[in-house]
Amino acid sequence: MRLNALRSLLFVPATSEHLLARAAQRGADALVVDLEDAVPLARKREARGLAALAVAALSDHAPVLLRVNAEPALLAQDLAAAPLEQLAAVMLPKVESPQQVQDLAAALARSGRAVPIVALVETARGVVQAAAIAQAHPSLVALGFGAEDYAAEMGVAPQPLSLRWPAQQVATCARASQLACWGLPGSVAEIADMAAFAGLVAEARAIGFTGTVCIHPRQVGVANTGFGPTAQELAWARKVLAADADATARGQGAVMLEGRMVDRPIVERARRWLAQPG
């Protein structure tokens, strides 16, 4: 699956062998083996070895990304131990400037591996710099919004009222640079109330996000459903394309369909919906 089509990316700690063993069975569009927040400093070295084994085992089943550490010394060790040839992308956290992306791209180039990069925007400075970050390097394929870290830095609760604007800023900057954008305008830590999580997914899709990370298998199905078009949207999209084909055959640039004007932007949206995975 193309990275820009991913709806759900399931985080799995590199040190959790039992979770890694079952990760491919969870239905996520992609898996993220985590060397950062989920791994204490004392276990980083151990985690790198386990991550290499996990990526080798999982990459035949789903795209596998590796979330590395942002701190330069740890990052260098992460990259040295990583099976780069088997990764779908390297996920860089705490990105606040284009230079961080460019430095990672240079390190990957020195390794001889052209690995795509995902930049996680998780701070106020990162949000302010999101447009520049999105244009940092051709290897960049997606931006992610880290709601929990952003809310912690701002001293606010991770709820839509506080996070809607920064989330939309990141999504808009990503889409302006034709990147995928993953995240929620709220807390990904919601793992008990799936109705509430579904609401966050719906709002994320409404402001332009294409998918989200998940921290629990229960969230995967909700994300896959929520970031895809509904049955009603698919039915409408088929009608739109049929009406557009008819209008084109008659030399018209726009057409009325069920009381709504259908022109080029609506046709393009219909095509995107029909092209999304079901």
Protein backbone atom coordinates (compact mmCIF):
# COMPACT_ATOMS: atom_id res chain seq x y z
CA MET A 1 0.00 0.00 0.00
CA ARG A 2 1.26 3.49 -0.86
CA LEU A 3 2.21 5.60 2.14
CA ASN A 4 -0.17 8.36 1.11
CA ALA A 5 -3.06 5.88 1.30
CA LEU A 6 -2.43 4.74 4.88
CA ARG A 7 -5.38 5.15 7.25
CA SER A 8 -4.01 3.40 10.35
CA LEU A 9 -0.44 3.11 11.61
CA LEU A 10 -0.17 0.92 14.69
CA PHE A 11 2.65 1.75 17.11
CA VAL A 12 4.42 -1.23 18.64
CA PRO A 13 7.22 -0.78 21.22
CA ALA A 14 10.45 -2.35 20.00
CA THR A 15 10.93 -3.97 23.41
CA SER A 16 7.51 -5.64 23.51
CA GLU A 17 8.16 -8.99 21.87
CA HIS A 18 4.66 -10.36 22.49
CA LEU A 19 3.03 -7.31 20.88
CA LEU A 20 5.43 -7.45 17.95
CA ALA A 21 4.62 -11.11 17.42
CA ARG A 22 0.92 -10.30 16.98
CA ALA A 23 1.21 -6.93 15.26
CA ALA A 24 0.71 -8.23 11.73
CA GLN A 25 -2.66 -9.72 12.73
CA ARG A 26 -4.20 -6.42 13.84
CA GLY A 27 -5.39 -5.19 10.45
CA ALA A 28 -3.42 -1.94 10.44
CA ASP A 29 -2.43 -0.47 7.10
CA ALA A 30 1.10 -0.05 8.46
CA LEU A 31 3.11 -0.81 11.58
CA VAL A 32 5.44 1.56 13.42
CA VAL A 33 8.18 -0.08 15.45
CA ASP A 34 8.97 2.45 18.16
CA LEU A 35 12.42 3.24 19.51
CA GLU A 36 11.43 6.56 21.07
CA ASP A 37 8.77 7.25 23.72
CA ALA A 38 7.86 3.62 24.36
CA VAL A 39 11.45 2.63 25.17
CA PRO A 40 13.26 3.84 28.32
CA LEU A 41 16.80 5.12 27.87
CA ALA A 42 18.30 2.11 29.63
CA ARG A 43 16.79 -0.23 27.02
CA LYS A 44 17.56 1.71 23.83
CA ARG A 45 20.45 -0.54 22.82
CA GLU A 46 18.42 -3.69 23.42
CA ALA A 47 15.50 -2.16 21.53
CA ARG A 48 17.58 -1.57 18.42
CA GLY A 49 18.42 -5.25 18.15
CA LEU A 50 14.83 -6.30 18.74
CA ALA A 51 13.61 -3.72 16.22
CA ALA A 52 15.85 -5.13 13.51
CA LEU A 53 14.43 -8.61 14.08
CA ALA A 54 10.87 -7.29 14.18
CA VAL A 55 11.18 -5.32 10.96
CA ALA A 56 12.55 -8.38 9.18
CA ALA A 57 9.64 -10.49 10.41
CA LEU A 58 6.89 -7.94 9.80
CA SER A 59 7.86 -6.30 6.52
CA ASP A 60 6.43 -9.19 4.48
CA HIS A 61 2.99 -8.54 5.98
CA ALA A 62 2.62 -4.75 6.02
CA PRO A 63 4.66 -1.59 5.47
CA VAL A 64 6.88 -1.07 8.50
CA LEU A 65 8.08 2.32 9.68
CA LEU A 66 10.69 2.89 12.37
CA ARG A 67 10.24 5.76 14.81
CA VAL A 68 13.72 6.81 15.79
CA ASN A 69 14.92 9.17 18.50
CA ALA A 70 15.33 12.87 17.74
CA GLU A 71 18.40 13.38 19.95
CA PRO A 72 21.38 13.30 17.52
CA ALA A 73 23.54 10.74 19.33
CA LEU A 74 20.65 8.33 19.80
CA LEU A 75 19.47 8.92 16.23
CA ALA A 76 22.88 8.00 14.82
CA GLN A 77 22.86 4.75 16.78
CA ASP A 78 19.28 4.01 15.70
CA LEU A 79 20.17 4.42 12.03
CA ALA A 80 23.35 2.37 12.34
CA ALA A 81 21.39 -0.59 13.70
CA ALA A 82 18.29 -0.26 11.52
CA PRO A 83 17.54 -2.61 8.60
CA LEU A 84 16.98 0.38 6.32
CA GLU A 85 16.44 -1.71 3.20
CA GLN A 86 13.32 -3.24 4.77
CA LEU A 87 11.72 -0.03 6.02
CA ALA A 88 8.83 1.76 4.37
CA ALA A 89 9.94 4.98 6.08
CA VAL A 90 11.85 6.46 8.99
CA MET A 91 9.65 8.48 11.35
CA LEU A 92 11.45 11.41 12.96
CA PRO A 93 9.84 12.86 16.12
CA LYS A 94 9.95 16.37 17.59
CA VAL A 95 10.67 18.09 14.28
CA GLU A 96 10.87 21.85 14.69
CA SER A 97 12.86 22.91 11.63
CA PRO A 98 13.59 21.85 8.04
CA GLN A 99 17.22 21.28 9.04
CA GLN A 100 16.31 18.23 11.12
CA VAL A 101 14.71 16.59 8.09
CA GLN A 102 17.63 17.56 5.88
CA ASP A 103 20.14 16.16 8.37
CA LEU A 104 18.27 12.85 8.50
CA ALA A 105 18.07 12.72 4.71
CA ALA A 106 21.83 13.31 4.51
CA ALA A 107 22.51 10.54 7.02
CA LEU A 108 20.32 8.14 5.05
CA ALA A 109 22.07 9.12 1.82
CA ARG A 110 25.45 8.37 3.41
CA SER A 111 24.14 4.91 4.25
CA GLY A 112 23.33 4.34 0.60
CA ARG A 113 19.60 3.87 1.28
CA ALA A 114 16.94 6.18 -0.13
CA VAL A 115 14.40 5.71 2.65
CA PRO A 116 11.30 7.94 2.81
CA ILE A 117 10.96 10.24 5.82
CA VAL A 118 7.97 11.11 8.00
CA ALA A 119 8.26 14.23 10.17
CA LEU A 120 6.28 14.42 13.41
CA VAL A 121 5.27 17.95 14.39
CA GLU A 122 4.74 17.90 18.15
CA THR A 123 5.62 21.33 19.52
CA ALA A 124 4.50 24.93 19.17
CA ARG A 125 7.64 25.78 17.23
CA GLY A 126 7.06 22.83 14.94
CA VAL A 127 3.50 23.97 14.21
CA VAL A 128 4.71 27.49 13.39
CA GLN A 129 7.38 26.02 11.08
CA ALA A 130 5.12 23.39 9.51
CA ALA A 131 5.06 24.97 6.03
CA ALA A 132 8.86 25.08 5.87
CA ILE A 133 9.18 21.58 7.30
CA ALA A 134 6.77 20.24 4.66
CA GLN A 135 9.12 21.50 1.94
CA ALA A 136 12.34 20.44 3.64
CA HIS A 137 13.43 17.58 1.36
CA PRO A 138 12.17 15.41 -1.52
CA SER A 139 12.44 12.33 0.71
CA LEU A 140 9.70 13.67 2.99
CA VAL A 141 6.43 11.83 2.34
CA ALA A 142 4.22 12.74 5.32
CA LEU A 143 3.73 15.01 8.30
CA GLY A 144 2.28 13.76 11.56
CA PHE A 145 0.73 15.85 14.31
CA GLY A 146 1.65 14.84 17.85
CA ALA A 147 -1.32 16.09 19.85
CA GLU A 148 -0.23 14.85 23.27
CA ASP A 149 3.23 16.43 23.18
CA TYR A 150 1.87 19.66 21.73
CA ALA A 151 -0.82 19.90 24.41
CA ALA A 152 1.71 19.19 27.16
CA GLU A 153 4.00 21.96 25.94
CA MET A 154 1.10 24.41 25.68
CA GLY A 155 -0.24 23.46 29.11
CA VAL A 156 -3.67 22.56 27.75
CA ALA A 157 -5.86 19.48 27.70
CA PRO A 158 -5.56 17.37 24.52
CA GLN A 159 -9.07 18.12 23.29
CA PRO A 160 -10.45 19.48 20.00
CA LEU A 161 -11.04 22.97 21.40
CA SER A 162 -7.30 23.31 22.05
CA LEU A 163 -5.98 21.27 19.14
CA ARG A 164 -8.23 21.99 16.17
CA TRP A 165 -6.19 24.96 14.92
CA PRO A 166 -2.68 23.44 15.18
CA ALA A 167 -3.96 20.18 13.72
CA GLN A 168 -5.44 21.98 10.74
CA GLN A 169 -2.25 24.00 10.34
CA VAL A 170 -0.20 20.81 10.04
CA ALA A 171 -2.74 19.17 7.72
CA THR A 172 -2.92 22.22 5.47
CA CYS A 173 0.86 22.53 5.21
CA ALA A 174 1.18 18.83 4.43
CA ARG A 175 -1.45 18.91 1.71
CA ALA A 176 0.00 22.11 0.22
CA SER A 177 3.21 20.13 -0.35
CA GLN A 178 1.31 17.04 -1.55
CA LEU A 179 2.26 15.02 1.51
CA ALA A 180 0.19 12.57 3.50
CA CYS A 181 -0.84 13.87 6.92
CA TRP A 182 -1.56 11.74 9.96
CA GLY A 183 -3.02 12.77 13.27
CA LEU A 184 -6.03 13.75 15.34
CA PRO A 185 -7.30 17.01 16.86
CA GLY A 186 -7.38 15.21 20.20
CA SER A 187 -5.78 12.47 22.23
CA VAL A 188 -4.75 9.20 20.61
CA ALA A 189 -4.64 7.82 24.17
CA GLU A 190 -8.42 7.27 24.04
CA ILE A 191 -8.61 3.47 24.02
CA ALA A 192 -11.72 2.78 26.12
CA ASP A 193 -14.43 4.85 24.42
CA MET A 194 -14.37 3.90 20.75
CA ALA A 195 -17.33 6.18 19.99
CA ALA A 196 -15.27 9.12 21.23
CA PHE A 197 -12.28 7.95 19.21
CA ALA A 198 -14.48 7.62 16.13
CA GLY A 199 -15.58 11.21 16.66
CA LEU A 200 -11.96 12.36 16.67
CA VAL A 201 -11.28 10.40 13.50
CA ALA A 202 -14.29 11.98 11.80
CA GLU A 203 -13.11 15.45 12.77
CA ALA A 204 -9.56 14.67 11.64
CA ARG A 205 -10.81 13.59 8.24
CA ALA A 206 -13.00 16.69 8.02
CA ILE A 207 -9.99 19.00 8.45
CA GLY A 208 -7.80 17.16 5.95
CA PHE A 209 -5.94 14.35 7.71
CA THR A 210 -5.52 11.17 5.69
CA GLY A 211 -4.92 8.76 8.57
CA THR A 212 -3.73 8.46 12.14
CA VAL A 213 -1.33 6.58 14.33
CA CYS A 214 -2.93 4.10 16.72
CA ILE A 215 -1.57 2.97 20.07
CA HIS A 216 -4.01 0.09 20.63
CA PRO A 217 -5.38 -2.56 18.26
CA ARG A 218 -8.95 -1.52 19.14
CA GLN A 219 -8.36 1.77 17.36
CA VAL A 220 -7.30 0.23 14.06
CA GLY A 221 -10.69 -0.74 12.68
CA VAL A 222 -12.17 2.59 13.71
CA ALA A 223 -9.40 4.46 11.89
CA ASN A 224 -9.68 2.29 8.78
CA THR A 225 -13.41 2.90 8.58
CA GLY A 226 -13.33 6.55 9.57
CA PHE A 227 -10.66 7.65 7.12
CA GLY A 228 -12.37 5.93 4.22
CA PRO A 229 -15.41 7.23 2.34
CA THR A 230 -18.83 6.17 3.58
CA ALA A 231 -21.20 4.07 1.48
CA GLN A 232 -23.24 7.21 0.85
CA GLU A 233 -20.15 9.10 -0.30
CA LEU A 234 -19.17 6.29 -2.65
CA ALA A 235 -22.66 6.18 -4.14
CA TRP A 236 -22.58 9.95 -4.61
CA ALA A 237 -19.11 9.75 -6.17
CA ARG A 238 -20.29 7.24 -8.76
CA LYS A 239 -23.19 9.51 -9.66
CA VAL A 240 -20.83 12.46 -9.94
CA LEU A 241 -18.51 10.66 -12.35
CA ALA A 242 -21.44 9.46 -14.44
CA ALA A 243 -22.86 12.98 -14.60
CA ASP A 244 -19.45 14.40 -15.45
CA ALA A 245 -18.95 11.89 -18.25
CA ASP A 246 -22.34 12.83 -19.66
CA ALA A 247 -21.54 16.55 -19.40
CA THR A 248 -18.18 16.06 -21.11
CA ALA A 249 -19.81 14.15 -23.94
CA ARG A 250 -22.15 17.11 -24.44
CA GLY A 251 -19.35 19.66 -24.27
CA GLN A 252 -20.34 21.08 -20.88
CA GLY A 253 -17.94 22.02 -18.10
CA ALA A 254 -20.40 21.71 -15.22
CA VAL A 255 -23.70 19.96 -14.59
CA MET A 256 -26.49 19.92 -12.02
CA LEU A 257 -26.88 16.72 -10.00
CA GLU A 258 -29.69 16.37 -7.48
CA GLY A 259 -29.84 20.11 -6.94
CA ARG A 260 -26.08 20.63 -6.63
CA MET A 261 -23.64 22.08 -9.12
CA VAL A 262 -20.96 19.56 -10.09
CA ASP A 263 -17.73 21.06 -11.41
CA ARG A 264 -14.07 20.10 -11.47
CA PRO A 265 -13.23 20.18 -7.71
CA ILE A 266 -16.24 17.99 -6.92
CA VAL A 267 -15.29 15.56 -9.67
CA GLU A 268 -11.74 15.34 -8.31
CA ARG A 269 -13.05 14.64 -4.80
CA ALA A 270 -15.27 11.88 -6.20
CA ARG A 271 -12.29 10.30 -7.92
CA ARG A 272 -10.25 10.41 -4.72
CA TRP A 273 -13.01 8.72 -2.76
CA LEU A 274 -13.37 5.94 -5.30
CA ALA A 275 -9.60 5.41 -5.37
CA GLN A 276 -9.31 4.97 -1.59
CA PRO A 277 -8.92 1.49 -0.11
CA GLY A 278 -12.12 -0.09 1.17
